[in-house]
Each structure stands twice: as C-alpha cells, then as structure tokens.
Amino acid sequence: MASQPPPQAVSTNPAAHQAAVLQPQQPPLGPQQQQQQQQQQDFDPVHRFKMLIPQLKESLQSVMSVASQNFAHNTSIDNGVNARMYIDGADLTAANVTNQQCIKSNDGTVQRFDKSLEEFYALCDQLELCLRLAHECLSQSIDSAKHSPNLVPTATKPDTVQTESLSYSQYLSMIKSQISCAKDIHNALLECSKKIAGKTQQAIL
C-alpha cells in the first residue's frame, strides 16, 4: 500500500488569509523605472543622508585606529624603546632606522592621520548639507501647502494620478496674481508711510 503524503497545514486565521488574498503582487520594475527610481533617490537628501551614515561610522573608526597607532608610536619613541615602525607597509625596528627615516616615518603617520581626519570632516560637511537641504525642502513644502493648496504634478512622477492638481499655466497665473497682490500691499504701505512722514514734517514746521 502506497503511503499518502501528509496533509498540508491550513491557516485558521481569516484575517491573515484575507490579507494574503488582497495583497497585490508587485510586478518587477523595468530598466527605465529602476533608473527613474535611482535618480529620485539621488535627489532625495534624506536618502543621501542614510547612505552616508555607514560611511561616517567607518571613517570615525579609521580616525580612532590611526590616532591610537600614532599615540603608541610616539610614546614608544619618547620612552626610548626599540619600537616596531611601519613605513609604507614595511616592518622595521628602530635599531636599524636612522634619525632621518624616523622623522619621515613620523611625518607619514601624521599625514595618514590628517588624511583620515580630513575624510571624516568631509563626510560631516556632506551630512550637514543634506540636513540643510532637507530642512529647506520641508520649509518650501509647508509654504507651498499654505499658499497653494492644489498641487502641481511633479516631473519625477509623471505616471501618478494626482487629484485636484493644477496645470502649469494655472499655477503661473496664480503666482502672478499673488505677486500683483503683494506689490499692491507694498505700494499701499509705502504711500501710507509717505503721508505719515509728510504730516510729521508739517507738524514740526
């Protein structure tokens, strides 16, 4: 008698079964869509910030490692111990190295430390720029939502459907009307200040 295969376990959770049925399967992205997604991520300061964080950690570890080697090397020289020095990857002893070579080795160690420290500061500057750019984008988004509730379709997402969106010509006309209103307010305030200044001069005379 042939053995029958064991019955497969059936999930008794209806919510999990419904979620599995309702969850749409995402089709694989084509080369063009992947390129657009990569370009969008490159322009995103938050995504760039997240990518730089691991590099910053590695750079900090490198700075600490080079600094500890530098301290140990200088301490061994100050104490007069025949320390092992590393010059361009070569392992030499202090007894076989002249004073000039010792100076060169010290300069090389300092230069390597300066280089690692410079790379760390460069990454810090990039992170600062990403944070400033993200803050500026957030401020512009808040101002745009405040003064222009209707959105304009973005060029990075041409396929997405945005309800109640303005066309570019409608957006330009709205901006022109806002500029005209701001000029009218500016002219009214300027004329009012001139009248107040004129009345003040007449009162003094």
N, C-alpha and C. Protein backbone atom coordinates (compact mmCIF):
# COMPACT_ATOMS: atom_id res chain seq x y z
N MET A 1 0.86 -1.20 0.00
CA MET A 1 0.00 0.00 0.00
C MET A 1 0.88 1.23 0.00
N ALA A 2 0.65 2.11 -0.99
CA ALA A 2 1.48 3.31 -1.10
C ALA A 2 1.14 4.29 -0.01
N SER A 3 2.19 4.90 0.56
CA SER A 3 1.97 5.88 1.63
C SER A 3 1.47 7.19 1.05
N GLN A 4 0.49 7.76 1.69
CA GLN A 4 -0.07 9.03 1.24
C GLN A 4 0.72 10.18 1.84
N PRO A 5 0.89 11.27 1.07
CA PRO A 5 1.61 12.43 1.62
C PRO A 5 0.82 13.07 2.74
N PRO A 6 1.52 13.61 3.73
CA PRO A 6 0.81 14.24 4.86
C PRO A 6 0.05 15.46 4.39
N PRO A 7 -1.11 15.71 4.97
CA PRO A 7 -1.90 16.90 4.57
C PRO A 7 -1.19 18.17 4.97
N GLN A 8 -1.30 19.16 4.11
CA GLN A 8 -0.67 20.46 4.38
C GLN A 8 -1.47 21.21 5.43
N ALA A 9 -0.71 21.97 6.24
CA ALA A 9 -1.36 22.75 7.30
C ALA A 9 -2.10 23.93 6.70
N VAL A 10 -3.33 24.11 7.16
CA VAL A 10 -4.17 25.20 6.66
C VAL A 10 -4.30 26.23 7.76
N SER A 11 -4.08 27.49 7.41
CA SER A 11 -4.16 28.56 8.39
C SER A 11 -5.61 28.80 8.77
N THR A 12 -5.87 28.88 10.06
CA THR A 12 -7.22 29.13 10.57
C THR A 12 -7.48 30.59 10.85
N ASN A 13 -6.52 31.46 10.55
CA ASN A 13 -6.68 32.89 10.80
C ASN A 13 -7.31 33.53 9.57
N PRO A 14 -8.58 33.98 9.64
CA PRO A 14 -9.21 34.57 8.44
C PRO A 14 -8.59 35.89 8.05
N ALA A 15 -8.10 36.66 9.03
CA ALA A 15 -7.51 37.96 8.70
C ALA A 15 -6.24 37.79 7.89
N ALA A 16 -5.42 36.80 8.25
CA ALA A 16 -4.19 36.56 7.50
C ALA A 16 -4.49 36.07 6.10
N HIS A 17 -5.53 35.18 5.99
CA HIS A 17 -5.90 34.69 4.65
C HIS A 17 -6.42 35.83 3.78
N GLN A 18 -7.25 36.71 4.36
CA GLN A 18 -7.78 37.85 3.60
C GLN A 18 -6.67 38.80 3.18
N ALA A 19 -5.69 39.04 4.07
CA ALA A 19 -4.59 39.93 3.73
C ALA A 19 -3.74 39.35 2.62
N ALA A 20 -3.56 38.01 2.65
CA ALA A 20 -2.77 37.37 1.60
C ALA A 20 -3.48 37.43 0.26
N VAL A 21 -4.84 37.35 0.30
CA VAL A 21 -5.59 37.41 -0.96
C VAL A 21 -5.62 38.82 -1.51
N LEU A 22 -5.83 39.81 -0.61
CA LEU A 22 -5.98 41.19 -1.06
C LEU A 22 -4.65 41.84 -1.40
N GLN A 23 -3.53 41.31 -0.93
CA GLN A 23 -2.23 41.94 -1.18
C GLN A 23 -1.84 41.77 -2.65
N PRO A 24 -1.71 42.87 -3.39
CA PRO A 24 -1.37 42.75 -4.81
C PRO A 24 0.10 42.39 -4.99
N GLN A 25 0.35 41.61 -6.00
CA GLN A 25 1.72 41.25 -6.33
C GLN A 25 2.35 42.35 -7.17
N GLN A 26 3.46 42.91 -6.69
CA GLN A 26 4.13 44.00 -7.40
C GLN A 26 4.92 43.44 -8.57
N PRO A 27 4.65 43.95 -9.76
CA PRO A 27 5.42 43.47 -10.92
C PRO A 27 6.86 43.95 -10.84
N PRO A 28 7.80 43.22 -11.42
CA PRO A 28 9.20 43.67 -11.40
C PRO A 28 9.38 44.96 -12.18
N LEU A 29 10.23 45.82 -11.67
CA LEU A 29 10.48 47.11 -12.31
C LEU A 29 11.36 46.92 -13.53
N GLY A 30 11.04 47.68 -14.58
CA GLY A 30 11.84 47.65 -15.78
C GLY A 30 13.10 48.48 -15.63
N PRO A 31 13.99 48.43 -16.61
CA PRO A 31 15.24 49.22 -16.51
C PRO A 31 14.98 50.72 -16.43
N GLN A 32 13.99 51.21 -17.20
CA GLN A 32 13.70 52.64 -17.18
C GLN A 32 13.14 53.07 -15.84
N GLN A 33 12.23 52.25 -15.27
CA GLN A 33 11.67 52.59 -13.96
C GLN A 33 12.74 52.53 -12.87
N GLN A 34 13.63 51.56 -12.96
CA GLN A 34 14.73 51.49 -11.99
C GLN A 34 15.63 52.71 -12.09
N GLN A 35 15.88 53.18 -13.32
CA GLN A 35 16.71 54.37 -13.49
C GLN A 35 16.03 55.60 -12.92
N GLN A 36 14.70 55.73 -13.15
CA GLN A 36 13.97 56.86 -12.59
C GLN A 36 13.97 56.81 -11.08
N GLN A 37 13.79 55.61 -10.51
CA GLN A 37 13.82 55.48 -9.06
C GLN A 37 15.19 55.81 -8.50
N GLN A 38 16.25 55.40 -9.19
CA GLN A 38 17.61 55.71 -8.74
C GLN A 38 17.87 57.21 -8.79
N GLN A 39 17.39 57.88 -9.86
CA GLN A 39 17.57 59.32 -9.96
C GLN A 39 16.80 60.04 -8.86
N GLN A 40 15.59 59.57 -8.56
CA GLN A 40 14.81 60.19 -7.50
C GLN A 40 15.49 60.02 -6.15
N GLN A 41 16.09 58.85 -5.90
CA GLN A 41 16.80 58.63 -4.65
C GLN A 41 18.06 59.49 -4.56
N ASP A 42 18.73 59.72 -5.70
CA ASP A 42 19.92 60.56 -5.69
C ASP A 42 19.57 62.00 -5.34
N PHE A 43 18.38 62.47 -5.75
CA PHE A 43 17.97 63.83 -5.45
C PHE A 43 17.38 63.97 -4.05
N ASP A 44 17.10 62.87 -3.39
CA ASP A 44 16.48 62.90 -2.07
C ASP A 44 17.56 63.10 -1.01
N PRO A 45 17.54 64.23 -0.28
CA PRO A 45 18.60 64.46 0.73
C PRO A 45 18.51 63.49 1.89
N VAL A 46 17.30 63.04 2.24
CA VAL A 46 17.16 62.10 3.36
C VAL A 46 17.77 60.75 2.99
N HIS A 47 17.53 60.29 1.76
CA HIS A 47 18.12 59.02 1.30
C HIS A 47 19.65 59.14 1.24
N ARG A 48 20.13 60.29 0.78
CA ARG A 48 21.57 60.51 0.74
C ARG A 48 22.17 60.52 2.15
N PHE A 49 21.45 61.10 3.10
CA PHE A 49 21.90 61.13 4.50
C PHE A 49 22.01 59.72 5.06
N LYS A 50 21.01 58.87 4.77
CA LYS A 50 21.04 57.50 5.26
C LYS A 50 22.19 56.71 4.64
N MET A 51 22.53 57.01 3.39
CA MET A 51 23.64 56.31 2.75
C MET A 51 24.99 56.73 3.33
N LEU A 52 25.09 57.98 3.79
CA LEU A 52 26.37 58.47 4.30
C LEU A 52 26.65 58.06 5.74
N ILE A 53 25.62 57.66 6.48
CA ILE A 53 25.81 57.30 7.89
C ILE A 53 26.77 56.12 8.06
N PRO A 54 26.63 55.00 7.32
CA PRO A 54 27.62 53.91 7.47
C PRO A 54 29.03 54.34 7.10
N GLN A 55 29.16 55.19 6.07
CA GLN A 55 30.50 55.67 5.71
C GLN A 55 31.09 56.53 6.82
N LEU A 56 30.23 57.31 7.49
CA LEU A 56 30.72 58.13 8.60
C LEU A 56 31.20 57.26 9.75
N LYS A 57 30.49 56.18 10.04
CA LYS A 57 30.91 55.27 11.11
C LYS A 57 32.26 54.64 10.79
N GLU A 58 32.43 54.19 9.55
CA GLU A 58 33.71 53.59 9.14
C GLU A 58 34.84 54.62 9.20
N SER A 59 34.54 55.84 8.78
CA SER A 59 35.57 56.89 8.82
C SER A 59 35.97 57.21 10.26
N LEU A 60 34.99 57.24 11.17
CA LEU A 60 35.30 57.51 12.58
C LEU A 60 36.15 56.38 13.17
N GLN A 61 35.83 55.15 12.83
CA GLN A 61 36.65 54.03 13.30
C GLN A 61 38.08 54.12 12.76
N SER A 62 38.21 54.54 11.50
CA SER A 62 39.55 54.69 10.92
C SER A 62 40.33 55.80 11.62
N VAL A 63 39.66 56.90 11.93
CA VAL A 63 40.33 58.00 12.64
C VAL A 63 40.83 57.54 14.01
N MET A 64 39.98 56.82 14.75
CA MET A 64 40.37 56.35 16.07
C MET A 64 41.51 55.34 15.99
N SER A 65 41.48 54.47 14.98
CA SER A 65 42.54 53.47 14.83
C SER A 65 43.87 54.13 14.50
N VAL A 66 43.85 55.07 13.55
CA VAL A 66 45.10 55.75 13.18
C VAL A 66 45.61 56.59 14.34
N ALA A 67 44.71 57.22 15.08
CA ALA A 67 45.13 58.03 16.23
C ALA A 67 45.78 57.17 17.31
N SER A 68 45.20 56.00 17.57
CA SER A 68 45.79 55.12 18.59
C SER A 68 47.17 54.62 18.16
N GLN A 69 47.33 54.29 16.87
CA GLN A 69 48.64 53.88 16.37
C GLN A 69 49.65 55.03 16.48
N ASN A 70 49.19 56.22 16.20
CA ASN A 70 50.07 57.39 16.27
C ASN A 70 50.52 57.64 17.71
N PHE A 71 49.58 57.56 18.66
CA PHE A 71 49.93 57.75 20.07
C PHE A 71 50.90 56.68 20.55
N ALA A 72 50.63 55.44 20.19
CA ALA A 72 51.52 54.35 20.63
C ALA A 72 52.91 54.49 20.04
N HIS A 73 52.97 54.90 18.78
CA HIS A 73 54.27 55.06 18.12
C HIS A 73 55.07 56.20 18.75
N ASN A 74 54.43 57.33 18.98
CA ASN A 74 55.13 58.47 19.58
C ASN A 74 55.53 58.18 21.03
N THR A 75 54.69 57.45 21.75
CA THR A 75 55.02 57.11 23.13
C THR A 75 56.23 56.19 23.19
N SER A 76 56.30 55.22 22.28
CA SER A 76 57.44 54.31 22.26
C SER A 76 58.73 55.05 21.92
N ILE A 77 58.66 56.04 21.04
CA ILE A 77 59.86 56.81 20.69
C ILE A 77 60.28 57.70 21.87
N ASP A 78 59.29 58.32 22.54
CA ASP A 78 59.61 59.17 23.69
C ASP A 78 60.22 58.37 24.83
N ASN A 79 59.80 57.13 25.00
CA ASN A 79 60.33 56.30 26.08
C ASN A 79 61.65 55.63 25.71
N GLY A 80 62.10 55.79 24.47
CA GLY A 80 63.36 55.21 24.05
C GLY A 80 63.32 53.71 23.84
N VAL A 81 62.14 53.15 23.57
CA VAL A 81 62.01 51.71 23.37
C VAL A 81 62.21 51.41 21.89
N ASN A 82 62.84 50.26 21.60
CA ASN A 82 63.02 49.83 20.21
C ASN A 82 61.66 49.37 19.67
N ALA A 83 60.88 50.35 19.28
CA ALA A 83 59.52 50.04 18.81
C ALA A 83 59.56 49.60 17.37
N ARG A 84 58.53 48.90 16.97
CA ARG A 84 58.39 48.46 15.59
C ARG A 84 57.61 49.53 14.84
N MET A 85 58.23 50.02 13.76
CA MET A 85 57.62 51.09 12.99
C MET A 85 57.24 50.57 11.62
N TYR A 86 56.23 51.21 11.05
CA TYR A 86 55.69 50.79 9.77
C TYR A 86 55.86 51.95 8.79
N ILE A 87 56.71 51.72 7.78
CA ILE A 87 56.97 52.73 6.77
C ILE A 87 56.53 52.16 5.43
N ASP A 88 55.44 52.70 4.91
CA ASP A 88 54.90 52.25 3.61
C ASP A 88 54.66 50.74 3.59
N GLY A 89 54.15 50.22 4.70
CA GLY A 89 53.82 48.80 4.77
C GLY A 89 54.98 47.92 5.19
N ALA A 90 56.21 48.44 5.32
CA ALA A 90 57.37 47.63 5.70
C ALA A 90 57.52 47.65 7.21
N ASP A 91 57.86 46.50 7.79
CA ASP A 91 58.03 46.36 9.23
C ASP A 91 59.51 46.48 9.56
N LEU A 92 59.90 47.57 10.23
CA LEU A 92 61.30 47.83 10.56
C LEU A 92 61.42 48.09 12.05
N THR A 93 62.61 47.87 12.60
CA THR A 93 62.87 48.15 14.00
C THR A 93 63.59 49.47 14.12
N ALA A 94 63.45 50.08 15.29
CA ALA A 94 64.06 51.39 15.49
C ALA A 94 65.58 51.30 15.49
N ALA A 95 66.14 50.12 15.81
CA ALA A 95 67.59 49.99 15.85
C ALA A 95 68.21 50.07 14.47
N ASN A 96 67.48 49.71 13.43
CA ASN A 96 68.00 49.69 12.07
C ASN A 96 67.57 50.89 11.25
N VAL A 97 66.94 51.86 11.87
CA VAL A 97 66.41 53.02 11.15
C VAL A 97 67.16 54.26 11.61
N THR A 98 67.60 55.08 10.68
CA THR A 98 68.31 56.31 11.02
C THR A 98 67.33 57.36 11.52
N ASN A 99 67.91 58.46 12.02
CA ASN A 99 67.07 59.54 12.53
C ASN A 99 66.22 60.17 11.43
N GLN A 100 66.81 60.31 10.24
CA GLN A 100 66.07 60.90 9.13
C GLN A 100 64.88 60.02 8.75
N GLN A 101 65.07 58.69 8.75
CA GLN A 101 63.97 57.80 8.45
C GLN A 101 62.91 57.83 9.54
N CYS A 102 63.35 58.04 10.78
CA CYS A 102 62.38 58.16 11.87
C CYS A 102 61.51 59.39 11.67
N ILE A 103 62.13 60.51 11.26
CA ILE A 103 61.36 61.73 11.01
C ILE A 103 60.38 61.51 9.87
N LYS A 104 60.85 60.81 8.80
CA LYS A 104 59.96 60.54 7.67
C LYS A 104 58.80 59.65 8.10
N SER A 105 59.11 58.64 8.94
CA SER A 105 58.04 57.75 9.39
C SER A 105 57.03 58.50 10.24
N ASN A 106 57.52 59.41 11.10
CA ASN A 106 56.60 60.21 11.91
C ASN A 106 55.74 61.10 11.03
N ASP A 107 56.37 61.74 10.03
CA ASP A 107 55.60 62.59 9.12
C ASP A 107 54.55 61.78 8.38
N GLY A 108 54.94 60.56 7.97
CA GLY A 108 53.98 59.72 7.26
C GLY A 108 52.80 59.35 8.14
N THR A 109 53.07 59.05 9.41
CA THR A 109 51.99 58.71 10.33
C THR A 109 51.06 59.89 10.53
N VAL A 110 51.63 61.09 10.70
CA VAL A 110 50.81 62.29 10.88
C VAL A 110 50.00 62.58 9.63
N GLN A 111 50.60 62.39 8.46
CA GLN A 111 49.88 62.63 7.22
C GLN A 111 48.71 61.66 7.07
N ARG A 112 48.92 60.42 7.43
CA ARG A 112 47.83 59.45 7.34
C ARG A 112 46.71 59.83 8.30
N PHE A 113 47.07 60.29 9.49
CA PHE A 113 46.05 60.73 10.44
C PHE A 113 45.31 61.95 9.92
N ASP A 114 46.05 62.91 9.35
CA ASP A 114 45.40 64.10 8.80
C ASP A 114 44.46 63.73 7.66
N LYS A 115 44.88 62.78 6.84
CA LYS A 115 44.04 62.38 5.71
C LYS A 115 42.75 61.73 6.19
N SER A 116 42.85 60.83 7.17
CA SER A 116 41.64 60.19 7.69
C SER A 116 40.74 61.19 8.38
N LEU A 117 41.35 62.15 9.10
CA LEU A 117 40.55 63.18 9.76
C LEU A 117 39.88 64.10 8.74
N GLU A 118 40.58 64.39 7.65
CA GLU A 118 40.00 65.22 6.60
C GLU A 118 38.82 64.52 5.93
N GLU A 119 38.95 63.21 5.70
CA GLU A 119 37.83 62.46 5.12
C GLU A 119 36.63 62.45 6.07
N PHE A 120 36.89 62.35 7.37
CA PHE A 120 35.80 62.37 8.34
C PHE A 120 35.08 63.72 8.33
N TYR A 121 35.85 64.81 8.30
CA TYR A 121 35.24 66.14 8.24
C TYR A 121 34.49 66.36 6.93
N ALA A 122 35.00 65.79 5.84
CA ALA A 122 34.31 65.93 4.55
C ALA A 122 32.94 65.24 4.59
N LEU A 123 32.88 64.07 5.20
CA LEU A 123 31.59 63.38 5.34
C LEU A 123 30.65 64.16 6.26
N CYS A 124 31.20 64.75 7.31
CA CYS A 124 30.36 65.58 8.20
C CYS A 124 29.79 66.77 7.45
N ASP A 125 30.59 67.39 6.58
CA ASP A 125 30.09 68.51 5.79
C ASP A 125 28.99 68.07 4.84
N GLN A 126 29.14 66.89 4.23
CA GLN A 126 28.09 66.39 3.33
C GLN A 126 26.80 66.11 4.09
N LEU A 127 26.92 65.55 5.28
CA LEU A 127 25.74 65.30 6.10
C LEU A 127 25.06 66.61 6.50
N GLU A 128 25.86 67.62 6.82
CA GLU A 128 25.28 68.92 7.17
C GLU A 128 24.53 69.53 5.99
N LEU A 129 25.11 69.41 4.79
CA LEU A 129 24.44 69.92 3.60
C LEU A 129 23.13 69.17 3.34
N CYS A 130 23.14 67.86 3.54
CA CYS A 130 21.92 67.08 3.34
C CYS A 130 20.83 67.50 4.32
N LEU A 131 21.20 67.73 5.57
CA LEU A 131 20.22 68.16 6.56
C LEU A 131 19.69 69.55 6.25
N ARG A 132 20.57 70.46 5.83
CA ARG A 132 20.10 71.80 5.47
C ARG A 132 19.17 71.75 4.26
N LEU A 133 19.52 70.93 3.27
CA LEU A 133 18.68 70.81 2.08
C LEU A 133 17.33 70.20 2.43
N ALA A 134 17.33 69.18 3.29
CA ALA A 134 16.06 68.58 3.71
C ALA A 134 15.20 69.57 4.47
N HIS A 135 15.82 70.37 5.34
CA HIS A 135 15.07 71.40 6.08
C HIS A 135 14.51 72.45 5.14
N GLU A 136 15.29 72.85 4.13
CA GLU A 136 14.82 73.84 3.16
C GLU A 136 13.67 73.27 2.33
N CYS A 137 13.78 72.01 1.92
CA CYS A 137 12.69 71.38 1.16
C CYS A 137 11.42 71.28 1.99
N LEU A 138 11.57 70.96 3.27
CA LEU A 138 10.40 70.89 4.15
C LEU A 138 9.76 72.26 4.32
N SER A 139 10.57 73.31 4.48
CA SER A 139 10.03 74.67 4.61
C SER A 139 9.29 75.09 3.35
N GLN A 140 9.87 74.79 2.18
CA GLN A 140 9.20 75.13 0.93
C GLN A 140 7.91 74.33 0.75
N SER A 141 7.91 73.08 1.17
CA SER A 141 6.70 72.27 1.07
C SER A 141 5.59 72.82 1.96
N ILE A 142 5.97 73.26 3.17
CA ILE A 142 4.97 73.84 4.09
C ILE A 142 4.43 75.14 3.52
N ASP A 143 5.30 76.00 2.99
CA ASP A 143 4.85 77.26 2.39
C ASP A 143 3.98 77.01 1.16
N SER A 144 4.36 76.00 0.36
CA SER A 144 3.57 75.69 -0.83
C SER A 144 2.18 75.18 -0.45
N ALA A 145 2.11 74.33 0.57
CA ALA A 145 0.81 73.83 1.01
C ALA A 145 -0.04 74.93 1.63
N LYS A 146 0.62 75.94 2.21
CA LYS A 146 -0.11 77.04 2.83
C LYS A 146 -0.66 78.01 1.80
N HIS A 147 0.15 78.39 0.82
CA HIS A 147 -0.24 79.40 -0.16
C HIS A 147 -0.81 78.80 -1.44
N SER A 148 -0.56 77.54 -1.68
CA SER A 148 -1.07 76.88 -2.89
C SER A 148 -1.53 75.48 -2.52
N PRO A 149 -2.78 75.35 -2.02
CA PRO A 149 -3.24 74.02 -1.59
C PRO A 149 -3.26 72.99 -2.71
N ASN A 150 -3.59 73.42 -3.94
CA ASN A 150 -3.63 72.49 -5.06
C ASN A 150 -2.22 72.24 -5.57
N LEU A 151 -1.88 70.99 -5.75
CA LEU A 151 -0.53 70.62 -6.14
C LEU A 151 -0.36 70.69 -7.64
N VAL A 152 0.90 70.75 -8.05
CA VAL A 152 1.27 70.70 -9.46
C VAL A 152 1.92 69.35 -9.70
N PRO A 153 1.53 68.61 -10.74
CA PRO A 153 2.16 67.31 -11.00
C PRO A 153 3.66 67.44 -11.16
N THR A 154 4.40 66.62 -10.42
CA THR A 154 5.86 66.69 -10.46
C THR A 154 6.39 65.97 -11.68
N ALA A 155 7.56 66.41 -12.13
CA ALA A 155 8.17 65.79 -13.32
C ALA A 155 8.77 64.44 -13.00
N THR A 156 9.11 64.20 -11.72
CA THR A 156 9.73 62.92 -11.35
C THR A 156 8.72 61.79 -11.28
N LYS A 157 7.42 62.12 -11.17
CA LYS A 157 6.38 61.10 -11.10
C LYS A 157 5.29 61.41 -12.14
N PRO A 158 5.59 61.27 -13.42
CA PRO A 158 4.59 61.62 -14.42
C PRO A 158 3.45 60.62 -14.50
N ASP A 159 3.66 59.38 -14.04
CA ASP A 159 2.63 58.35 -14.18
C ASP A 159 1.60 58.39 -13.06
N THR A 160 1.92 59.03 -11.95
CA THR A 160 1.00 59.04 -10.83
C THR A 160 -0.15 60.01 -11.11
N VAL A 161 -1.33 59.64 -10.65
CA VAL A 161 -2.52 60.46 -10.85
C VAL A 161 -2.74 61.27 -9.58
N GLN A 162 -2.75 62.58 -9.70
CA GLN A 162 -2.94 63.48 -8.57
C GLN A 162 -4.26 64.21 -8.76
N THR A 163 -5.18 63.99 -7.83
CA THR A 163 -6.49 64.63 -7.91
C THR A 163 -6.38 66.09 -7.51
N GLU A 164 -7.25 66.92 -8.10
CA GLU A 164 -7.32 68.35 -7.80
C GLU A 164 -5.96 69.02 -7.97
N SER A 165 -5.30 68.70 -9.04
CA SER A 165 -4.00 69.31 -9.31
C SER A 165 -4.15 70.40 -10.36
N LEU A 166 -3.25 71.37 -10.31
CA LEU A 166 -3.25 72.49 -11.24
C LEU A 166 -2.32 72.20 -12.41
N SER A 167 -2.68 72.73 -13.55
CA SER A 167 -1.75 72.69 -14.67
C SER A 167 -0.68 73.76 -14.47
N TYR A 168 0.38 73.68 -15.27
CA TYR A 168 1.47 74.64 -15.09
C TYR A 168 1.04 76.06 -15.43
N SER A 169 0.18 76.22 -16.45
CA SER A 169 -0.31 77.57 -16.80
C SER A 169 -1.18 78.14 -15.70
N GLN A 170 -2.03 77.30 -15.09
CA GLN A 170 -2.85 77.77 -13.97
C GLN A 170 -1.98 78.13 -12.77
N TYR A 171 -0.94 77.36 -12.57
CA TYR A 171 -0.03 77.67 -11.46
C TYR A 171 0.67 79.01 -11.69
N LEU A 172 1.10 79.28 -12.93
CA LEU A 172 1.75 80.55 -13.23
C LEU A 172 0.81 81.72 -13.03
N SER A 173 -0.44 81.58 -13.48
CA SER A 173 -1.41 82.67 -13.30
C SER A 173 -1.68 82.92 -11.82
N MET A 174 -1.73 81.87 -11.02
CA MET A 174 -1.94 82.05 -9.59
C MET A 174 -0.75 82.76 -8.94
N ILE A 175 0.46 82.39 -9.35
CA ILE A 175 1.65 83.04 -8.80
C ILE A 175 1.69 84.51 -9.21
N LYS A 176 1.32 84.81 -10.45
CA LYS A 176 1.30 86.21 -10.91
C LYS A 176 0.29 87.02 -10.11
N SER A 177 -0.87 86.44 -9.83
CA SER A 177 -1.86 87.16 -9.02
C SER A 177 -1.36 87.40 -7.60
N GLN A 178 -0.64 86.43 -7.04
CA GLN A 178 -0.08 86.63 -5.70
C GLN A 178 1.00 87.71 -5.70
N ILE A 179 1.83 87.74 -6.75
CA ILE A 179 2.86 88.78 -6.86
C ILE A 179 2.21 90.15 -7.02
N SER A 180 1.16 90.24 -7.83
CA SER A 180 0.46 91.51 -8.01
C SER A 180 -0.17 91.98 -6.70
N CYS A 181 -0.75 91.05 -5.95
CA CYS A 181 -1.33 91.41 -4.66
C CYS A 181 -0.26 91.89 -3.68
N ALA A 182 0.89 91.24 -3.68
CA ALA A 182 1.98 91.66 -2.80
C ALA A 182 2.50 93.04 -3.18
N LYS A 183 2.57 93.34 -4.49
CA LYS A 183 3.00 94.67 -4.93
C LYS A 183 2.00 95.74 -4.52
N ASP A 184 0.71 95.43 -4.64
CA ASP A 184 -0.31 96.40 -4.23
C ASP A 184 -0.21 96.70 -2.74
N ILE A 185 0.01 95.67 -1.93
CA ILE A 185 0.16 95.89 -0.49
C ILE A 185 1.41 96.70 -0.20
N HIS A 186 2.51 96.41 -0.92
CA HIS A 186 3.75 97.16 -0.73
C HIS A 186 3.56 98.63 -1.10
N ASN A 187 2.89 98.90 -2.22
CA ASN A 187 2.67 100.29 -2.64
C ASN A 187 1.76 101.02 -1.67
N ALA A 188 0.75 100.32 -1.15
CA ALA A 188 -0.16 100.96 -0.19
C ALA A 188 0.58 101.31 1.10
N LEU A 189 1.42 100.42 1.58
CA LEU A 189 2.19 100.70 2.79
C LEU A 189 3.19 101.82 2.55
N LEU A 190 3.81 101.85 1.36
CA LEU A 190 4.77 102.91 1.05
C LEU A 190 4.09 104.27 0.98
N GLU A 191 2.92 104.30 0.35
CA GLU A 191 2.18 105.57 0.27
C GLU A 191 1.72 106.04 1.64
N CYS A 192 1.31 105.10 2.47
CA CYS A 192 0.89 105.46 3.83
C CYS A 192 2.06 106.00 4.65
N SER A 193 3.23 105.39 4.49
CA SER A 193 4.40 105.88 5.23
C SER A 193 4.81 107.27 4.76
N LYS A 194 4.68 107.54 3.46
CA LYS A 194 5.00 108.88 2.95
C LYS A 194 4.03 109.92 3.50
N LYS A 195 2.75 109.58 3.57
CA LYS A 195 1.78 110.52 4.12
C LYS A 195 2.05 110.79 5.60
N ILE A 196 2.39 109.74 6.33
CA ILE A 196 2.69 109.94 7.76
C ILE A 196 3.94 110.80 7.93
N ALA A 197 4.97 110.57 7.08
CA ALA A 197 6.18 111.38 7.17
C ALA A 197 5.90 112.83 6.80
N GLY A 198 5.03 113.06 5.80
CA GLY A 198 4.68 114.43 5.42
C GLY A 198 3.93 115.15 6.52
N LYS A 199 3.00 114.48 7.16
CA LYS A 199 2.26 115.10 8.26
C LYS A 199 3.18 115.39 9.44
N THR A 200 4.15 114.53 9.68
CA THR A 200 5.09 114.75 10.79
C THR A 200 5.95 115.98 10.52
N GLN A 201 6.41 116.16 9.28
CA GLN A 201 7.22 117.33 8.94
C GLN A 201 6.40 118.61 9.04
N GLN A 202 5.14 118.56 8.62
CA GLN A 202 4.28 119.74 8.74
C GLN A 202 4.04 120.10 10.19
N ALA A 203 3.91 119.11 11.05
CA ALA A 203 3.69 119.39 12.47
C ALA A 203 4.94 119.99 13.10
N ILE A 204 6.11 119.58 12.63
CA ILE A 204 7.35 120.15 13.18
C ILE A 204 7.51 121.60 12.75
N LEU A 205 7.18 121.89 11.48
CA LEU A 205 7.30 123.27 10.99
C LEU A 205 6.26 124.16 11.64
